[in-house]
């Protein structure tokens, strides 16, 4: 996972979590999961029979979906801003 270095994680935690030490922020977790999902999707476009990675991708998508549902339920404005910033939905 060299694509997601500790400096990149700190950047995401600062941008979405408010502080680099706020690693439990829902918004920061969704942003990191989105970065991982995008990277794995690119990998799978070239390696179509990598089923174990495909399963891991589906698990990450499910985790992101549940985190977004929680955020939608508790902070609708933050949810909408996050979706807009990450470009997840149209």
PDB file of N, CA and C in Angstrom:
ATOM      1  N   UNK A   1       0.826  -1.181   0.000  1.00  0.00           N
ATOM      2  CA  UNK A   1       0.000   0.000   0.000  1.00  0.00           C
ATOM      3  C   UNK A   1       0.871   1.245   0.000  1.00  0.00           C
ATOM      4  N   UNK A   2       1.784   1.306  -0.906  1.00  0.00           N
ATOM      5  CA  UNK A   2       2.679   2.448  -0.978  1.00  0.00           C
ATOM      6  C   UNK A   2       1.986   3.691  -1.524  1.00  0.00           C
ATOM      7  N   UNK A   3       0.819   3.527  -2.118  1.00  0.00           N
ATOM      8  CA  UNK A   3       0.095   4.670  -2.646  1.00  0.00           C
ATOM      9  C   UNK A   3      -0.506   5.524  -1.546  1.00  0.00           C
ATOM     10  N   UNK A   4      -0.713   4.955  -0.360  1.00  0.00           N
ATOM     11  CA  UNK A   4      -1.330   5.663   0.751  1.00  0.00           C
ATOM     12  C   UNK A   4      -0.296   5.784   1.878  1.00  0.00           C
ATOM     13  N   UNK A   5       0.583   6.762   1.750  1.00  0.00           N
ATOM     14  CA  UNK A   5       1.644   6.945   2.723  1.00  0.00           C
ATOM     15  C   UNK A   5       1.107   7.641   3.967  1.00  0.00           C
ATOM     16  N   UNK A   6       1.921   7.694   4.996  1.00  0.00           N
ATOM     17  CA  UNK A   6       1.486   8.340   6.234  1.00  0.00           C
ATOM     18  C   UNK A   6       1.285   9.836   6.028  1.00  0.00           C
ATOM     19  N   UNK A   7       2.070  10.451   5.144  1.00  0.00           N
ATOM     20  CA  UNK A   7       1.884  11.876   4.851  1.00  0.00           C
ATOM     21  C   UNK A   7       0.542  12.119   4.171  1.00  0.00           C
ATOM     22  N   UNK A   8       0.151  11.200   3.282  1.00  0.00           N
ATOM     23  CA  UNK A   8      -1.132  11.317   2.606  1.00  0.00           C
ATOM     24  C   UNK A   8      -2.271  11.170   3.601  1.00  0.00           C
ATOM     25  N   UNK A   9      -2.129  10.227   4.528  1.00  0.00           N
ATOM     26  CA  UNK A   9      -3.158  10.035   5.547  1.00  0.00           C
ATOM     27  C   UNK A   9      -3.294  11.272   6.419  1.00  0.00           C
ATOM     28  N   UNK A  10      -2.163  11.851   6.823  1.00  0.00           N
ATOM     29  CA  UNK A  10      -2.198  13.069   7.648  1.00  0.00           C
ATOM     30  C   UNK A  10      -2.900  14.190   6.892  1.00  0.00           C
ATOM     31  N   UNK A  11      -2.640  14.275   5.589  1.00  0.00           N
ATOM     32  CA  UNK A  11      -3.299  15.304   4.771  1.00  0.00           C
ATOM     33  C   UNK A  11      -4.810  15.112   4.770  1.00  0.00           C
ATOM     34  N   UNK A  12      -5.251  13.874   4.611  1.00  0.00           N
ATOM     35  CA  UNK A  12      -6.687  13.596   4.621  1.00  0.00           C
ATOM     36  C   UNK A  12      -7.299  13.878   5.994  1.00  0.00           C
ATOM     37  N   UNK A  13      -6.589  13.518   7.061  1.00  0.00           N
ATOM     38  CA  UNK A  13      -7.125  13.760   8.395  1.00  0.00           C
ATOM     39  C   UNK A  13      -7.210  15.251   8.689  1.00  0.00           C
ATOM     40  N   UNK A  14      -6.247  16.030   8.199  1.00  0.00           N
ATOM     41  CA  UNK A  14      -6.312  17.480   8.376  1.00  0.00           C
ATOM     42  C   UNK A  14      -7.462  18.080   7.586  1.00  0.00           C
ATOM     43  N   UNK A  15      -7.590  17.640   6.336  1.00  0.00           N
ATOM     44  CA  UNK A  15      -8.586  18.234   5.445  1.00  0.00           C
ATOM     45  C   UNK A  15     -10.011  17.861   5.844  1.00  0.00           C
ATOM     46  N   UNK A  16     -10.237  16.612   6.182  1.00  0.00           N
ATOM     47  CA  UNK A  16     -11.595  16.152   6.435  1.00  0.00           C
ATOM     48  C   UNK A  16     -11.912  15.997   7.920  1.00  0.00           C
ATOM     49  N   UNK A  17     -10.905  15.744   8.747  1.00  0.00           N
ATOM     50  CA  UNK A  17     -11.159  15.525  10.164  1.00  0.00           C
ATOM     51  C   UNK A  17     -10.957  16.750  11.024  1.00  0.00           C
ATOM     52  N   UNK A  18     -10.362  17.789  10.479  1.00  0.00           N
ATOM     53  CA  UNK A  18     -10.135  19.005  11.236  1.00  0.00           C
ATOM     54  C   UNK A  18      -8.774  19.057  11.901  1.00  0.00           C
ATOM     55  N   UNK A  19      -8.237  17.914  12.289  1.00  0.00           N
ATOM     56  CA  UNK A  19      -6.946  17.842  12.962  1.00  0.00           C
ATOM     57  C   UNK A  19      -6.260  16.559  12.523  1.00  0.00           C
ATOM     58  N   UNK A  20      -4.940  16.587  12.450  1.00  0.00           N
ATOM     59  CA  UNK A  20      -4.223  15.396  11.980  1.00  0.00           C
ATOM     60  C   UNK A  20      -4.309  14.238  12.960  1.00  0.00           C
ATOM     61  N   UNK A  21      -4.651  14.506  14.210  1.00  0.00           N
ATOM     62  CA  UNK A  21      -4.767  13.441  15.202  1.00  0.00           C
ATOM     63  C   UNK A  21      -6.196  12.930  15.338  1.00  0.00           C
ATOM     64  N   UNK A  22      -7.124  13.517  14.611  1.00  0.00           N
ATOM     65  CA  UNK A  22      -8.521  13.104  14.675  1.00  0.00           C
ATOM     66  C   UNK A  22      -8.759  11.992  13.651  1.00  0.00           C
ATOM     67  N   UNK A  23      -8.197  10.823  13.936  1.00  0.00           N
ATOM     68  CA  UNK A  23      -8.278   9.713  12.993  1.00  0.00           C
ATOM     69  C   UNK A  23      -9.624   9.007  13.055  1.00  0.00           C
ATOM     70  N   UNK A  24     -10.432   9.274  14.047  1.00  0.00           N
ATOM     71  CA  UNK A  24     -11.729   8.627  14.183  1.00  0.00           C
ATOM     72  C   UNK A  24     -12.849   9.372  13.503  1.00  0.00           C
ATOM     73  N   UNK A  25     -12.552  10.484  12.886  1.00  0.00           N
ATOM     74  CA  UNK A  25     -13.578  11.279  12.219  1.00  0.00           C
ATOM     75  C   UNK A  25     -14.211  10.473  11.083  1.00  0.00           C
ATOM     76  N   UNK A  26     -15.535  10.475  11.041  1.00  0.00           N
ATOM     77  CA  UNK A  26     -16.253   9.739  10.007  1.00  0.00           C
ATOM     78  C   UNK A  26     -15.877  10.267   8.626  1.00  0.00           C
ATOM     79  N   UNK A  27     -15.800  11.586   8.496  1.00  0.00           N
ATOM     80  CA  UNK A  27     -15.485  12.186   7.195  1.00  0.00           C
ATOM     81  C   UNK A  27     -14.100  11.773   6.720  1.00  0.00           C
ATOM     82  N   UNK A  28     -13.130  11.755   7.635  1.00  0.00           N
ATOM     83  CA  UNK A  28     -11.770  11.360   7.265  1.00  0.00           C
ATOM     84  C   UNK A  28     -11.713   9.880   6.895  1.00  0.00           C
ATOM     85  N   UNK A  29     -12.451   9.047   7.628  1.00  0.00           N
ATOM     86  CA  UNK A  29     -12.471   7.624   7.313  1.00  0.00           C
ATOM     87  C   UNK A  29     -13.070   7.369   5.937  1.00  0.00           C
ATOM     88  N   UNK A  30     -14.139   8.105   5.615  1.00  0.00           N
ATOM     89  CA  UNK A  30     -14.767   7.951   4.298  1.00  0.00           C
ATOM     90  C   UNK A  30     -13.808   8.407   3.203  1.00  0.00           C
ATOM     91  N   UNK A  31     -13.083   9.492   3.448  1.00  0.00           N
ATOM     92  CA  UNK A  31     -12.134   9.994   2.444  1.00  0.00           C
ATOM     93  C   UNK A  31     -11.015   8.986   2.193  1.00  0.00           C
ATOM     94  N   UNK A  32     -10.487   8.381   3.246  1.00  0.00           N
ATOM     95  CA  UNK A  32      -9.422   7.388   3.092  1.00  0.00           C
ATOM     96  C   UNK A  32      -9.958   6.140   2.381  1.00  0.00           C
ATOM     97  N   UNK A  33     -11.156   5.702   2.763  1.00  0.00           N
ATOM     98  CA  UNK A  33     -11.741   4.544   2.094  1.00  0.00           C
ATOM     99  C   UNK A  33     -11.976   4.828   0.616  1.00  0.00           C
ATOM    100  N   UNK A  34     -12.392   6.041   0.291  1.00  0.00           N
ATOM    101  CA  UNK A  34     -12.606   6.405  -1.103  1.00  0.00           C
ATOM    102  C   UNK A  34     -11.302   6.348  -1.886  1.00  0.00           C
ATOM    103  N   UNK A  35     -10.229   6.815  -1.280  1.00  0.00           N
ATOM    104  CA  UNK A  35      -8.917   6.756  -1.936  1.00  0.00           C
ATOM    105  C   UNK A  35      -8.507   5.302  -2.177  1.00  0.00           C
ATOM    106  N   UNK A  36      -8.706   4.439  -1.186  1.00  0.00           N
ATOM    107  CA  UNK A  36      -8.369   3.021  -1.337  1.00  0.00           C
ATOM    108  C   UNK A  36      -9.229   2.365  -2.422  1.00  0.00           C
ATOM    109  N   UNK A  37     -10.523   2.688  -2.410  1.00  0.00           N
ATOM    110  CA  UNK A  37     -11.445   2.103  -3.382  1.00  0.00           C
ATOM    111  C   UNK A  37     -11.052   2.503  -4.797  1.00  0.00           C
ATOM    112  N   UNK A  38     -10.703   3.759  -4.989  1.00  0.00           N
ATOM    113  CA  UNK A  38     -10.288   4.216  -6.319  1.00  0.00           C
ATOM    114  C   UNK A  38      -9.031   3.496  -6.785  1.00  0.00           C
ATOM    115  N   UNK A  39      -8.077   3.322  -5.871  1.00  0.00           N
ATOM    116  CA  UNK A  39      -6.825   2.648  -6.232  1.00  0.00           C
ATOM    117  C   UNK A  39      -7.070   1.180  -6.589  1.00  0.00           C
ATOM    118  N   UNK A  40      -7.877   0.498  -5.793  1.00  0.00           N
ATOM    119  CA  UNK A  40      -8.142  -0.917  -6.047  1.00  0.00           C
ATOM    120  C   UNK A  40      -8.965  -1.096  -7.317  1.00  0.00           C
ATOM    121  N   UNK A  41      -9.858  -0.156  -7.599  1.00  0.00           N
ATOM    122  CA  UNK A  41     -10.646  -0.233  -8.834  1.00  0.00           C
ATOM    123  C   UNK A  41      -9.746  -0.148 -10.060  1.00  0.00           C
ATOM    124  N   UNK A  42      -8.729   0.704  -9.996  1.00  0.00           N
ATOM    125  CA  UNK A  42      -7.772   0.785 -11.103  1.00  0.00           C
ATOM    126  C   UNK A  42      -7.005  -0.523 -11.250  1.00  0.00           C
ATOM    127  N   UNK A  43      -6.643  -1.130 -10.122  1.00  0.00           N
ATOM    128  CA  UNK A  43      -5.933  -2.404 -10.151  1.00  0.00           C
ATOM    129  C   UNK A  43      -6.801  -3.490 -10.796  1.00  0.00           C
ATOM    130  N   UNK A  44      -8.083  -3.506 -10.425  1.00  0.00           N
ATOM    131  CA  UNK A  44      -8.968  -4.548 -10.926  1.00  0.00           C
ATOM    132  C   UNK A  44      -9.322  -4.375 -12.396  1.00  0.00           C
ATOM    133  N   UNK A  45      -9.182  -3.163 -12.918  1.00  0.00           N
ATOM    134  CA  UNK A  45      -9.458  -2.983 -14.340  1.00  0.00           C
ATOM    135  C   UNK A  45      -8.428  -3.719 -15.196  1.00  0.00           C
ATOM    136  N   UNK A  46      -7.234  -3.897 -14.669  1.00  0.00           N
ATOM    137  CA  UNK A  46      -6.198  -4.627 -15.393  1.00  0.00           C
ATOM    138  C   UNK A  46      -6.080  -6.084 -14.985  1.00  0.00           C
ATOM    139  N   UNK A  47      -6.588  -6.413 -13.815  1.00  0.00           N
ATOM    140  CA  UNK A  47      -6.495  -7.781 -13.290  1.00  0.00           C
ATOM    141  C   UNK A  47      -7.900  -8.287 -12.973  1.00  0.00           C
ATOM    142  N   UNK A  48      -8.622  -8.672 -13.987  1.00  0.00           N
ATOM    143  CA  UNK A  48     -10.034  -8.995 -13.849  1.00  0.00           C
ATOM    144  C   UNK A  48     -10.300 -10.263 -13.037  1.00  0.00           C
ATOM    145  N   UNK A  49      -9.333 -11.161 -12.941  1.00  0.00           N
ATOM    146  CA  UNK A  49      -9.560 -12.415 -12.231  1.00  0.00           C
ATOM    147  C   UNK A  49      -8.996 -12.422 -10.813  1.00  0.00           C
ATOM    148  N   UNK A  50      -8.677 -11.277 -10.290  1.00  0.00           N
ATOM    149  CA  UNK A  50      -8.167 -11.168  -8.925  1.00  0.00           C
ATOM    150  C   UNK A  50      -9.358 -11.112  -7.966  1.00  0.00           C
ATOM    151  N   UNK A  51      -9.893 -12.265  -7.657  1.00  0.00           N
ATOM    152  CA  UNK A  51     -11.148 -12.340  -6.912  1.00  0.00           C
ATOM    153  C   UNK A  51     -10.993 -11.973  -5.443  1.00  0.00           C
ATOM    154  N   UNK A  52      -9.850 -12.242  -4.854  1.00  0.00           N
ATOM    155  CA  UNK A  52      -9.664 -11.891  -3.446  1.00  0.00           C
ATOM    156  C   UNK A  52      -9.620 -10.377  -3.269  1.00  0.00           C
ATOM    157  N   UNK A  53      -8.996  -9.689  -4.199  1.00  0.00           N
ATOM    158  CA  UNK A  53      -8.986  -8.232  -4.142  1.00  0.00           C
ATOM    159  C   UNK A  53     -10.377  -7.684  -4.424  1.00  0.00           C
ATOM    160  N   UNK A  54     -11.104  -8.345  -5.297  1.00  0.00           N
ATOM    161  CA  UNK A  54     -12.468  -7.922  -5.602  1.00  0.00           C
ATOM    162  C   UNK A  54     -13.360  -8.044  -4.360  1.00  0.00           C
ATOM    163  N   UNK A  55     -13.155  -9.101  -3.589  1.00  0.00           N
ATOM    164  CA  UNK A  55     -13.916  -9.284  -2.356  1.00  0.00           C
ATOM    165  C   UNK A  55     -13.564  -8.199  -1.344  1.00  0.00           C
ATOM    166  N   UNK A  56     -12.289  -7.879  -1.227  1.00  0.00           N
ATOM    167  CA  UNK A  56     -11.867  -6.808  -0.327  1.00  0.00           C
ATOM    168  C   UNK A  56     -12.446  -5.465  -0.736  1.00  0.00           C
ATOM    169  N   UNK A  57     -12.528  -5.237  -2.035  1.00  0.00           N
ATOM    170  CA  UNK A  57     -13.132  -4.008  -2.539  1.00  0.00           C
ATOM    171  C   UNK A  57     -14.595  -3.918  -2.142  1.00  0.00           C
ATOM    172  N   UNK A  58     -15.319  -5.014  -2.278  1.00  0.00           N
ATOM    173  CA  UNK A  58     -16.735  -5.019  -1.903  1.00  0.00           C
ATOM    174  C   UNK A  58     -16.918  -4.765  -0.410  1.00  0.00           C
ATOM    175  N   UNK A  59     -16.013  -5.287   0.405  1.00  0.00           N
ATOM    176  CA  UNK A  59     -16.077  -5.038   1.842  1.00  0.00           C
ATOM    177  C   UNK A  59     -15.836  -3.566   2.146  1.00  0.00           C
ATOM    178  N   UNK A  60     -14.878  -2.954   1.457  1.00  0.00           N
ATOM    179  CA  UNK A  60     -14.603  -1.530   1.663  1.00  0.00           C
ATOM    180  C   UNK A  60     -15.778  -0.669   1.224  1.00  0.00           C
ATOM    181  N   UNK A  61     -16.388  -1.030   0.110  1.00  0.00           N
ATOM    182  CA  UNK A  61     -17.549  -0.278  -0.367  1.00  0.00           C
ATOM    183  C   UNK A  61     -18.688  -0.379   0.646  1.00  0.00           C
ATOM    184  N   UNK A  62     -18.885  -1.553   1.216  1.00  0.00           N
ATOM    185  CA  UNK A  62     -19.922  -1.731   2.235  1.00  0.00           C
ATOM    186  C   UNK A  62     -19.636  -0.921   3.483  1.00  0.00           C
ATOM    187  N   UNK A  63     -18.386  -0.891   3.897  1.00  0.00           N
ATOM    188  CA  UNK A  63     -17.993  -0.114   5.076  1.00  0.00           C
ATOM    189  C   UNK A  63     -18.224   1.374   4.823  1.00  0.00           C
ATOM    190  N   UNK A  64     -17.824   1.850   3.640  1.00  0.00           N
ATOM    191  CA  UNK A  64     -18.033   3.255   3.305  1.00  0.00           C
ATOM    192  C   UNK A  64     -19.515   3.586   3.262  1.00  0.00           C
ATOM    193  N   UNK A  65     -20.302   2.665   2.739  1.00  0.00           N
ATOM    194  CA  UNK A  65     -21.746   2.886   2.657  1.00  0.00           C
ATOM    195  C   UNK A  65     -22.363   3.021   4.045  1.00  0.00           C
ATOM    196  N   UNK A  66     -21.941   2.183   4.975  1.00  0.00           N
ATOM    197  CA  UNK A  66     -22.492   2.262   6.330  1.00  0.00           C
ATOM    198  C   UNK A  66     -22.031   3.538   7.038  1.00  0.00           C
ATOM    199  N   UNK A  67     -20.791   3.954   6.818  1.00  0.00           N
ATOM    200  CA  UNK A  67     -20.319   5.205   7.408  1.00  0.00           C
ATOM    201  C   UNK A  67     -21.062   6.402   6.838  1.00  0.00           C
ATOM    202  N   UNK A  68     -21.333   6.379   5.537  1.00  0.00           N
ATOM    203  CA  UNK A  68     -22.087   7.468   4.918  1.00  0.00           C
ATOM    204  C   UNK A  68     -23.531   7.486   5.409  1.00  0.00           C
ATOM    205  N   UNK A  69     -24.114   6.322   5.644  1.00  0.00           N
ATOM    206  CA  UNK A  69     -25.479   6.268   6.176  1.00  0.00           C
ATOM    207  C   UNK A  69     -25.521   6.866   7.581  1.00  0.00           C
ATOM    208  N   UNK A  70     -24.517   6.563   8.391  1.00  0.00           N
ATOM    209  CA  UNK A  70     -24.440   7.139   9.732  1.00  0.00           C
ATOM    210  C   UNK A  70     -24.300   8.653   9.661  1.00  0.00           C
ATOM    211  N   UNK A  71     -23.434   9.122   8.785  1.00  0.00           N
ATOM    212  CA  UNK A  71     -23.223  10.559   8.639  1.00  0.00           C
ATOM    213  C   UNK A  71     -24.484  11.246   8.130  1.00  0.00           C
ATOM    214  N   UNK A  72     -25.181  10.615   7.216  1.00  0.00           N
ATOM    215  CA  UNK A  72     -26.429  11.160   6.691  1.00  0.00           C
ATOM    216  C   UNK A  72     -27.472  11.292   7.794  1.00  0.00           C
ATOM    217  N   UNK A  73     -27.504  10.329   8.691  1.00  0.00           N
ATOM    218  CA  UNK A  73     -28.491  10.325   9.768  1.00  0.00           C
ATOM    219  C   UNK A  73     -28.191  11.392  10.825  1.00  0.00           C
ATOM    220  N   UNK A  74     -26.902  11.634  11.097  1.00  0.00           N
ATOM    221  CA  UNK A  74     -26.527  12.511  12.201  1.00  0.00           C
ATOM    222  C   UNK A  74     -26.096  13.912  11.784  1.00  0.00           C
ATOM    223  N   UNK A  75     -25.609  14.084  10.561  1.00  0.00           N
ATOM    224  CA  UNK A  75     -25.123  15.396  10.114  1.00  0.00           C
ATOM    225  C   UNK A  75     -25.381  15.532   8.623  1.00  0.00           C
ATOM    226  N   UNK A  76     -26.590  15.946   8.276  1.00  0.00           N
ATOM    227  CA  UNK A  76     -26.994  15.984   6.874  1.00  0.00           C
ATOM    228  C   UNK A  76     -26.172  16.988   6.067  1.00  0.00           C
ATOM    229  N   UNK A  77     -25.899  18.156   6.635  1.00  0.00           N
ATOM    230  CA  UNK A  77     -25.111  19.156   5.912  1.00  0.00           C
ATOM    231  C   UNK A  77     -23.676  18.688   5.696  1.00  0.00           C
ATOM    232  N   UNK A  78     -23.093  18.067   6.709  1.00  0.00           N
ATOM    233  CA  UNK A  78     -21.746  17.517   6.567  1.00  0.00           C
ATOM    234  C   UNK A  78     -21.700  16.393   5.546  1.00  0.00           C
ATOM    235  N   UNK A  79     -22.755  15.584   5.518  1.00  0.00           N
ATOM    236  CA  UNK A  79     -22.861  14.500   4.534  1.00  0.00           C
ATOM    237  C   UNK A  79     -22.881  15.064   3.121  1.00  0.00           C
ATOM    238  N   UNK A  80     -23.707  16.063   2.903  1.00  0.00           N
ATOM    239  CA  UNK A  80     -23.821  16.658   1.570  1.00  0.00           C
ATOM    240  C   UNK A  80     -22.515  17.315   1.138  1.00  0.00           C
ATOM    241  N   UNK A  81     -21.851  17.994   2.080  1.00  0.00           N
ATOM    242  CA  UNK A  81     -20.576  18.630   1.757  1.00  0.00           C
ATOM    243  C   UNK A  81     -19.510  17.590   1.410  1.00  0.00           C
ATOM    244  N   UNK A  82     -19.499  16.492   2.149  1.00  0.00           N
ATOM    245  CA  UNK A  82     -18.514  15.436   1.904  1.00  0.00           C
ATOM    246  C   UNK A  82     -18.740  14.766   0.547  1.00  0.00           C
ATOM    247  N   UNK A  83     -19.988  14.491   0.232  1.00  0.00           N
ATOM    248  CA  UNK A  83     -20.322  13.882  -1.053  1.00  0.00           C
ATOM    249  C   UNK A  83     -19.885  14.797  -2.199  1.00  0.00           C
ATOM    250  N   UNK A  84     -20.135  16.087  -2.023  1.00  0.00           N
ATOM    251  CA  UNK A  84     -19.753  17.071  -3.044  1.00  0.00           C
ATOM    252  C   UNK A  84     -18.233  17.127  -3.205  1.00  0.00           C
ATOM    253  N   UNK A  85     -17.524  17.134  -2.069  1.00  0.00           N
ATOM    254  CA  UNK A  85     -16.070  17.270  -2.091  1.00  0.00           C
ATOM    255  C   UNK A  85     -15.385  16.045  -2.701  1.00  0.00           C
ATOM    256  N   UNK A  86     -15.899  14.866  -2.369  1.00  0.00           N
ATOM    257  CA  UNK A  86     -15.294  13.630  -2.884  1.00  0.00           C
ATOM    258  C   UNK A  86     -15.812  13.248  -4.261  1.00  0.00           C
ATOM    259  N   UNK A  87     -16.926  13.835  -4.665  1.00  0.00           N
ATOM    260  CA  UNK A  87     -17.487  13.517  -5.974  1.00  0.00           C
ATOM    261  C   UNK A  87     -18.046  12.118  -6.063  1.00  0.00           C
ATOM    262  N   UNK A  88     -18.731  11.681  -5.002  1.00  0.00           N
ATOM    263  CA  UNK A  88     -19.240  10.319  -4.982  1.00  0.00           C
ATOM    264  C   UNK A  88     -20.547  10.151  -5.740  1.00  0.00           C
ATOM    265  N   UNK A  89     -21.456  11.096  -5.537  1.00  0.00           N
ATOM    266  CA  UNK A  89     -22.750  10.974  -6.195  1.00  0.00           C
ATOM    267  C   UNK A  89     -23.018  12.225  -7.003  1.00  0.00           C
ATOM    268  N   UNK A  90     -23.986  12.117  -7.878  1.00  0.00           N
ATOM    269  CA  UNK A  90     -24.295  13.266  -8.725  1.00  0.00           C
ATOM    270  C   UNK A  90     -25.569  13.934  -8.301  1.00  0.00           C
TER     271      UNK A  90
END
